[in-house]
């Protein structure tokens, strides 16, 4: 399997508030929250910080967040391959 295997099923189950979402992918519900939280956050940032957007300098923390998500996906994938976490 790949690092993202089960994420779609986890997102669908998470959107229905089904606890089975954790079974499809352990990080799925957390990633779904991040994706959903981005919608109002991005709208707020555009409204509040037009100067930052014009300068072309994005805030530095999103880069770290994306890196952390990537590392978490790879760690989960490694745990699944090692048999530590069962894939459904």
C-alpha atoms as a PDB file:
ATOM      1  CA  UNK A   1       0.000   0.000   0.000  1.00  0.00           C
ATOM      2  CA  UNK A   2       0.902   3.646  -0.334  1.00  0.00           C
ATOM      3  CA  UNK A   3       1.112   6.319   2.411  1.00  0.00           C
ATOM      4  CA  UNK A   4      -2.327   7.632   1.471  1.00  0.00           C
ATOM      5  CA  UNK A   5      -4.153   4.310   1.147  1.00  0.00           C
ATOM      6  CA  UNK A   6      -7.509   4.560   2.889  1.00  0.00           C
ATOM      7  CA  UNK A   7      -7.549   8.356   3.123  1.00  0.00           C
ATOM      8  CA  UNK A   8     -10.540   8.779   0.817  1.00  0.00           C
ATOM      9  CA  UNK A   9     -12.591   6.233   2.757  1.00  0.00           C
ATOM     10  CA  UNK A  10     -11.416   7.835   5.999  1.00  0.00           C
ATOM     11  CA  UNK A  11     -12.473  11.299   4.780  1.00  0.00           C
ATOM     12  CA  UNK A  12     -15.910  10.013   3.749  1.00  0.00           C
ATOM     13  CA  UNK A  13     -16.410   8.222   7.071  1.00  0.00           C
ATOM     14  CA  UNK A  14     -15.078  11.249   8.960  1.00  0.00           C
ATOM     15  CA  UNK A  15     -17.499  13.554   7.161  1.00  0.00           C
ATOM     16  CA  UNK A  16     -20.267  11.298   8.476  1.00  0.00           C
ATOM     17  CA  UNK A  17     -18.682  11.413  11.968  1.00  0.00           C
ATOM     18  CA  UNK A  18     -18.232   7.646  11.811  1.00  0.00           C
ATOM     19  CA  UNK A  19     -15.509   6.388  14.197  1.00  0.00           C
ATOM     20  CA  UNK A  20     -14.565   3.809  11.535  1.00  0.00           C
ATOM     21  CA  UNK A  21     -12.657   6.677   9.870  1.00  0.00           C
ATOM     22  CA  UNK A  22      -9.712   5.915  12.167  1.00  0.00           C
ATOM     23  CA  UNK A  23      -9.713   2.313  10.938  1.00  0.00           C
ATOM     24  CA  UNK A  24      -9.391   3.277   7.293  1.00  0.00           C
ATOM     25  CA  UNK A  25      -6.399   5.550   7.978  1.00  0.00           C
ATOM     26  CA  UNK A  26      -5.214   6.615  11.451  1.00  0.00           C
ATOM     27  CA  UNK A  27      -4.483  10.178  10.306  1.00  0.00           C
ATOM     28  CA  UNK A  28      -7.601  10.583   8.139  1.00  0.00           C
ATOM     29  CA  UNK A  29      -9.869  12.375  10.635  1.00  0.00           C
ATOM     30  CA  UNK A  30      -7.076  14.772  11.637  1.00  0.00           C
ATOM     31  CA  UNK A  31      -6.244  15.590   8.022  1.00  0.00           C
ATOM     32  CA  UNK A  32      -9.944  16.097   7.303  1.00  0.00           C
ATOM     33  CA  UNK A  33     -10.112  18.652  10.118  1.00  0.00           C
ATOM     34  CA  UNK A  34      -7.114  20.477   8.674  1.00  0.00           C
ATOM     35  CA  UNK A  35      -8.679  20.544   5.200  1.00  0.00           C
ATOM     36  CA  UNK A  36     -12.046  21.773   6.502  1.00  0.00           C
ATOM     37  CA  UNK A  37     -10.390  24.400   8.722  1.00  0.00           C
ATOM     38  CA  UNK A  38      -8.519  25.783   5.718  1.00  0.00           C
ATOM     39  CA  UNK A  39     -11.666  27.116   4.061  1.00  0.00           C
ATOM     40  CA  UNK A  40     -12.596  29.831   6.575  1.00  0.00           C
ATOM     41  CA  UNK A  41      -8.954  30.413   7.514  1.00  0.00           C
ATOM     42  CA  UNK A  42      -7.887  31.137   3.938  1.00  0.00           C
ATOM     43  CA  UNK A  43     -10.824  33.491   3.457  1.00  0.00           C
ATOM     44  CA  UNK A  44      -9.866  35.341   6.625  1.00  0.00           C
ATOM     45  CA  UNK A  45      -6.207  35.603   5.584  1.00  0.00           C
ATOM     46  CA  UNK A  46      -7.133  37.027   2.187  1.00  0.00           C
ATOM     47  CA  UNK A  47      -9.446  39.542   3.816  1.00  0.00           C
ATOM     48  CA  UNK A  48      -6.964  40.578   6.554  1.00  0.00           C
ATOM     49  CA  UNK A  49      -3.620  40.421   4.830  1.00  0.00           C
ATOM     50  CA  UNK A  50      -3.748  41.660   1.281  1.00  0.00           C
ATOM     51  CA  UNK A  51      -0.293  43.185   1.781  1.00  0.00           C
ATOM     52  CA  UNK A  52       1.230  39.792   2.590  1.00  0.00           C
ATOM     53  CA  UNK A  53      -0.381  38.279  -0.496  1.00  0.00           C
ATOM     54  CA  UNK A  54       0.934  41.110  -2.687  1.00  0.00           C
ATOM     55  CA  UNK A  55       4.460  40.686  -1.357  1.00  0.00           C
ATOM     56  CA  UNK A  56       4.494  37.034  -2.440  1.00  0.00           C
ATOM     57  CA  UNK A  57       5.775  35.926   0.969  1.00  0.00           C
ATOM     58  CA  UNK A  58       3.478  33.272   2.418  1.00  0.00           C
ATOM     59  CA  UNK A  59       3.556  32.726   6.171  1.00  0.00           C
ATOM     60  CA  UNK A  60       6.291  30.272   7.130  1.00  0.00           C
ATOM     61  CA  UNK A  61       4.183  27.966   9.315  1.00  0.00           C
ATOM     62  CA  UNK A  62       2.206  26.381   6.425  1.00  0.00           C
ATOM     63  CA  UNK A  63       5.482  25.009   5.065  1.00  0.00           C
ATOM     64  CA  UNK A  64       6.205  23.342   8.390  1.00  0.00           C
ATOM     65  CA  UNK A  65       2.633  22.049   8.627  1.00  0.00           C
ATOM     66  CA  UNK A  66       2.880  20.466   5.174  1.00  0.00           C
ATOM     67  CA  UNK A  67       6.213  18.914   6.112  1.00  0.00           C
ATOM     68  CA  UNK A  68       4.749  17.516   9.336  1.00  0.00           C
ATOM     69  CA  UNK A  69       1.774  16.051   7.449  1.00  0.00           C
ATOM     70  CA  UNK A  70       4.123  14.453   4.913  1.00  0.00           C
ATOM     71  CA  UNK A  71       6.274  12.936   7.657  1.00  0.00           C
ATOM     72  CA  UNK A  72       3.197  11.662   9.502  1.00  0.00           C
ATOM     73  CA  UNK A  73       1.908  10.001   6.313  1.00  0.00           C
ATOM     74  CA  UNK A  74       5.277   8.351   5.697  1.00  0.00           C
ATOM     75  CA  UNK A  75       5.499   7.187   9.335  1.00  0.00           C
ATOM     76  CA  UNK A  76       1.999   5.717   9.152  1.00  0.00           C
ATOM     77  CA  UNK A  77       2.862   3.994   5.884  1.00  0.00           C
ATOM     78  CA  UNK A  78       6.030   2.558   7.434  1.00  0.00           C
ATOM     79  CA  UNK A  79       4.069   1.316  10.450  1.00  0.00           C
ATOM     80  CA  UNK A  80       1.556  -0.367   8.145  1.00  0.00           C
ATOM     81  CA  UNK A  81       4.319  -2.004   6.122  1.00  0.00           C
ATOM     82  CA  UNK A  82       5.954  -3.240   9.341  1.00  0.00           C
ATOM     83  CA  UNK A  83       2.630  -4.672  10.512  1.00  0.00           C
ATOM     84  CA  UNK A  84       2.414  -2.357  13.540  1.00  0.00           C
ATOM     85  CA  UNK A  85      -0.842  -0.819  12.233  1.00  0.00           C
ATOM     86  CA  UNK A  86      -3.354  -2.994  10.417  1.00  0.00           C
ATOM     87  CA  UNK A  87      -4.660  -1.655   7.101  1.00  0.00           C
ATOM     88  CA  UNK A  88      -8.291  -2.231   6.208  1.00  0.00           C
END
